[in-house]
Protein backbone atom coordinates (compact mmCIF):
# COMPACT_ATOMS: atom_id res chain seq x y z
CA MET A 1 -77.25 -41.87 -115.92
CA HIS A 2 -80.90 -41.38 -117.19
CA MET A 3 -79.39 -39.91 -120.44
CA LEU A 4 -77.46 -43.28 -121.21
CA ILE A 5 -80.58 -45.51 -121.54
CA THR A 6 -81.05 -44.86 -125.44
CA GLN A 7 -77.39 -45.31 -126.12
CA ALA A 8 -77.40 -48.65 -124.15
CA VAL A 9 -80.66 -49.87 -125.83
CA GLU A 10 -79.91 -49.05 -129.54
CA PRO A 11 -77.02 -51.43 -130.20
CA THR A 12 -78.95 -54.18 -128.49
CA ARG A 13 -82.03 -53.54 -130.44
CA THR A 14 -80.05 -53.69 -133.65
CA VAL A 15 -78.57 -57.03 -132.57
CA VAL A 16 -82.09 -58.32 -131.82
CA ARG A 17 -83.42 -57.09 -135.05
CA THR A 18 -80.94 -58.93 -137.07
CA ILE A 19 -81.17 -62.39 -135.39
CA ARG A 20 -82.22 -65.02 -137.88
CA ASP A 21 -84.85 -67.85 -136.97
CA GLU A 22 -82.15 -70.43 -137.69
CA GLN A 23 -79.90 -68.89 -134.89
CA LEU A 24 -82.54 -69.15 -132.27
CA GLY A 25 -81.13 -72.50 -130.83
CA ALA A 26 -77.48 -71.23 -130.97
CA PRO A 27 -75.47 -71.28 -127.54
CA THR A 28 -74.86 -67.97 -125.99
CA PRO A 29 -72.11 -66.82 -123.42
CA CYS A 30 -74.81 -66.83 -120.73
CA ARG A 31 -74.35 -70.58 -120.07
CA GLU A 32 -77.98 -71.53 -119.24
CA PHE A 33 -79.41 -69.90 -122.21
CA ASP A 34 -79.57 -70.36 -125.92
CA VAL A 35 -80.50 -67.28 -128.08
CA LEU A 36 -84.28 -67.97 -127.83
CA ALA A 37 -84.12 -68.52 -124.03
CA LEU A 38 -82.15 -65.29 -123.72
CA LEU A 39 -84.63 -63.48 -125.87
CA ASN A 40 -87.29 -64.87 -123.64
CA HIS A 41 -85.66 -63.82 -120.39
CA LEU A 42 -85.42 -60.21 -121.80
CA LEU A 43 -89.15 -60.30 -122.60
CA GLN A 44 -89.96 -61.85 -119.24
CA TRP A 45 -88.31 -59.38 -117.19
CA ALA A 46 -88.90 -56.27 -119.20
CA PRO A 47 -92.24 -55.44 -117.66
CA ALA A 48 -90.79 -55.54 -114.11
CA LEU A 49 -87.81 -53.31 -115.14
CA ILE A 50 -90.30 -50.91 -116.99
CA GLY A 51 -92.56 -50.75 -113.80
CA ALA A 52 -89.48 -50.03 -111.76
CA ALA A 53 -88.91 -46.97 -113.67
CA ARG A 54 -92.31 -45.89 -113.18
CA LYS A 55 -92.46 -46.78 -109.57
CA VAL A 56 -95.25 -49.26 -110.37
CA GLU A 57 -94.91 -52.97 -109.22
CA THR A 58 -95.11 -55.24 -112.11
CA ALA A 59 -94.27 -58.92 -112.12
CA PRO A 60 -92.40 -60.79 -114.87
CA VAL A 61 -94.72 -62.27 -117.42
CA GLU A 62 -94.58 -64.92 -119.96
CA PRO A 63 -93.03 -64.07 -123.26
CA PRO A 64 -95.33 -63.48 -126.38
CA ALA A 65 -95.08 -65.51 -129.57
CA ASP A 66 -94.22 -62.45 -131.62
CA TRP A 67 -90.85 -61.76 -129.76
CA ARG A 68 -89.31 -59.48 -132.29
CA ARG A 69 -92.08 -56.93 -132.33
CA GLU A 70 -92.87 -57.32 -128.51
CA LEU A 71 -89.06 -56.88 -127.54
CA ASP A 72 -88.74 -53.80 -129.92
CA ALA A 73 -91.78 -52.33 -128.02
CA ARG A 74 -90.30 -53.22 -124.64
CA PHE A 75 -87.11 -51.47 -125.58
CA ASP A 76 -89.10 -48.43 -126.44
CA GLU A 77 -90.86 -48.54 -122.96
CA LEU A 78 -87.51 -49.07 -121.16
CA VAL A 79 -86.07 -46.01 -122.78
CA ALA A 80 -89.17 -43.91 -122.10
CA GLY A 81 -89.27 -45.08 -118.44
CA TRP A 82 -85.60 -44.70 -117.62
CA SER A 83 -84.97 -41.61 -119.50
CA THR A 84 -86.47 -39.40 -116.89
CA PRO A 85 -84.58 -38.21 -113.93
CA GLU A 86 -87.47 -39.16 -111.55
CA ALA A 87 -86.94 -42.89 -112.50
CA TRP A 88 -83.49 -42.64 -110.98
CA GLU A 89 -84.56 -41.08 -107.57
CA GLY A 90 -85.76 -42.60 -104.41
CA THR A 91 -86.54 -46.30 -104.27
CA THR A 92 -88.48 -48.71 -106.47
CA ARG A 93 -89.56 -52.25 -106.93
CA MET A 94 -88.76 -54.91 -109.35
CA GLY A 95 -91.72 -57.37 -109.24
CA GLY A 96 -91.69 -57.96 -105.55
CA PRO A 97 -92.15 -56.52 -102.23
CA THR A 98 -88.66 -55.30 -101.61
CA ASP A 99 -87.77 -51.69 -102.09
CA PHE A 100 -84.35 -51.04 -103.81
CA PRO A 101 -82.64 -47.85 -104.58
CA ALA A 102 -83.76 -46.67 -108.03
CA PRO A 103 -80.23 -45.88 -109.16
CA MET A 104 -79.08 -49.24 -108.32
CA ILE A 105 -81.85 -50.76 -110.52
CA GLY A 106 -81.35 -48.23 -113.30
CA GLY A 107 -77.63 -49.24 -113.42
CA MET A 108 -78.73 -52.85 -113.52
CA VAL A 109 -81.05 -52.20 -116.29
CA LEU A 110 -78.26 -50.52 -118.34
CA THR A 111 -75.73 -53.22 -117.58
CA GLU A 112 -78.24 -56.01 -118.48
CA LEU A 113 -78.92 -54.39 -121.79
CA VAL A 114 -75.23 -54.21 -122.63
CA VAL A 115 -74.13 -57.71 -121.40
CA HIS A 116 -77.18 -59.54 -122.88
CA GLY A 117 -76.82 -57.54 -126.00
CA TRP A 118 -73.19 -58.68 -126.25
CA ASP A 119 -74.32 -62.30 -125.45
CA LEU A 120 -76.83 -62.40 -128.29
CA ALA A 121 -74.26 -60.71 -130.67
CA ARG A 122 -71.59 -63.21 -129.97
CA ALA A 123 -74.03 -66.01 -130.39
CA THR A 124 -75.14 -64.82 -133.80
CA GLY A 125 -71.87 -63.51 -135.11
CA GLN A 126 -72.53 -59.75 -134.74
CA SER A 127 -70.28 -57.02 -133.43
CA PRO A 128 -72.17 -54.21 -131.85
CA THR A 129 -70.38 -51.22 -130.08
CA TRP A 130 -71.76 -49.08 -127.20
CA PRO A 131 -70.37 -45.70 -126.63
CA ASP A 132 -67.57 -45.21 -123.97
CA GLU A 133 -69.81 -42.89 -122.21
CA VAL A 134 -72.20 -45.73 -121.66
CA LEU A 135 -69.64 -48.33 -120.75
CA ARG A 136 -67.26 -46.33 -118.46
CA PRO A 137 -69.80 -45.91 -115.66
CA LEU A 138 -71.04 -49.50 -116.12
CA VAL A 139 -67.72 -50.83 -115.03
CA SER A 140 -68.62 -49.35 -111.59
CA GLU A 141 -72.04 -50.66 -111.81
CA ALA A 142 -70.65 -54.19 -112.52
CA GLN A 143 -68.12 -53.92 -109.82
CA GLY A 144 -70.83 -52.89 -107.21
CA MET A 145 -73.15 -55.65 -108.20
CA ALA A 146 -70.88 -58.45 -108.96
CA GLU A 147 -70.52 -60.23 -105.62
CA GLN A 148 -74.26 -60.10 -105.09
CA GLY A 149 -74.91 -61.28 -108.69
CA ARG A 150 -72.57 -64.33 -107.96
CA GLN A 151 -74.39 -65.15 -104.79
CA LEU A 152 -77.78 -64.99 -106.73
CA GLY A 153 -76.37 -67.15 -109.63
CA ILE A 154 -76.88 -64.17 -111.95
CA PHE A 155 -73.14 -63.72 -112.65
CA GLY A 156 -70.60 -66.36 -112.99
CA PRO A 157 -67.21 -66.68 -111.45
CA GLU A 158 -65.13 -63.44 -112.51
CA VAL A 159 -63.10 -63.95 -115.74
CA PRO A 160 -59.86 -62.12 -115.24
CA VAL A 161 -59.15 -59.40 -117.66
CA PRO A 162 -56.23 -56.91 -117.64
CA ALA A 163 -56.79 -53.74 -115.48
CA ASP A 164 -56.27 -51.67 -118.54
CA ALA A 165 -58.74 -53.64 -120.66
CA PRO A 166 -61.50 -51.79 -122.50
CA PRO A 167 -64.56 -51.00 -120.39
CA LEU A 168 -66.69 -53.66 -122.23
CA MET A 169 -64.24 -56.29 -121.53
CA ARG A 170 -64.06 -55.33 -117.84
CA ILE A 171 -67.83 -55.44 -117.63
CA LEU A 172 -67.93 -58.87 -119.18
CA GLY A 173 -65.24 -60.30 -117.09
CA LEU A 174 -67.04 -59.10 -113.79
CA SER A 175 -70.32 -60.65 -115.09
CA GLY A 176 -68.53 -63.83 -115.40
CA ARG A 177 -68.16 -63.87 -119.14
CA ASP A 178 -64.97 -64.52 -121.11
CA PRO A 179 -64.70 -61.68 -123.60
CA GLY A 180 -63.08 -64.18 -126.02
CA TRP A 181 -66.02 -66.55 -125.99
CA ARG A 182 -67.00 -67.98 -129.30
CA PRO A 183 -69.85 -70.38 -130.23
């Protein structure tokens, strides 16, 4: 899975780079966040996710004012951290005292990049694509974390999609997003 991080980041990075200032207040499929709040969410949690790859405990931080430059740099750090096989081995922490299996956190990072990238794209009228070799394993990741995600309020209720739907649609449905969502 460590080889998939760049392919998961790049479409999301492209979406973020093309968000216009007038779109920052637009609603997203992630119900509690508009575009700016979702960008801030990504910025706030990036240090903890980067730290988890490096096996270094780092708490979430407040987002900086220059979110475009900062988020671009955080994407680079996520790629650097999660591209190594060691990041996916053993256990790690994500801004707290609890140890988690590193492959679980890595899968969560990949899933978050794709799902929130899609959220931002939908909110701003973009149509990114992620390679099937990234999306196929993320269906299993989303299935594995869906129930816990719902219990924690991270995922909404599952949105039914056909069993033969493309992988992205299945991931979105599992995360509680309507693949047909429009602003």
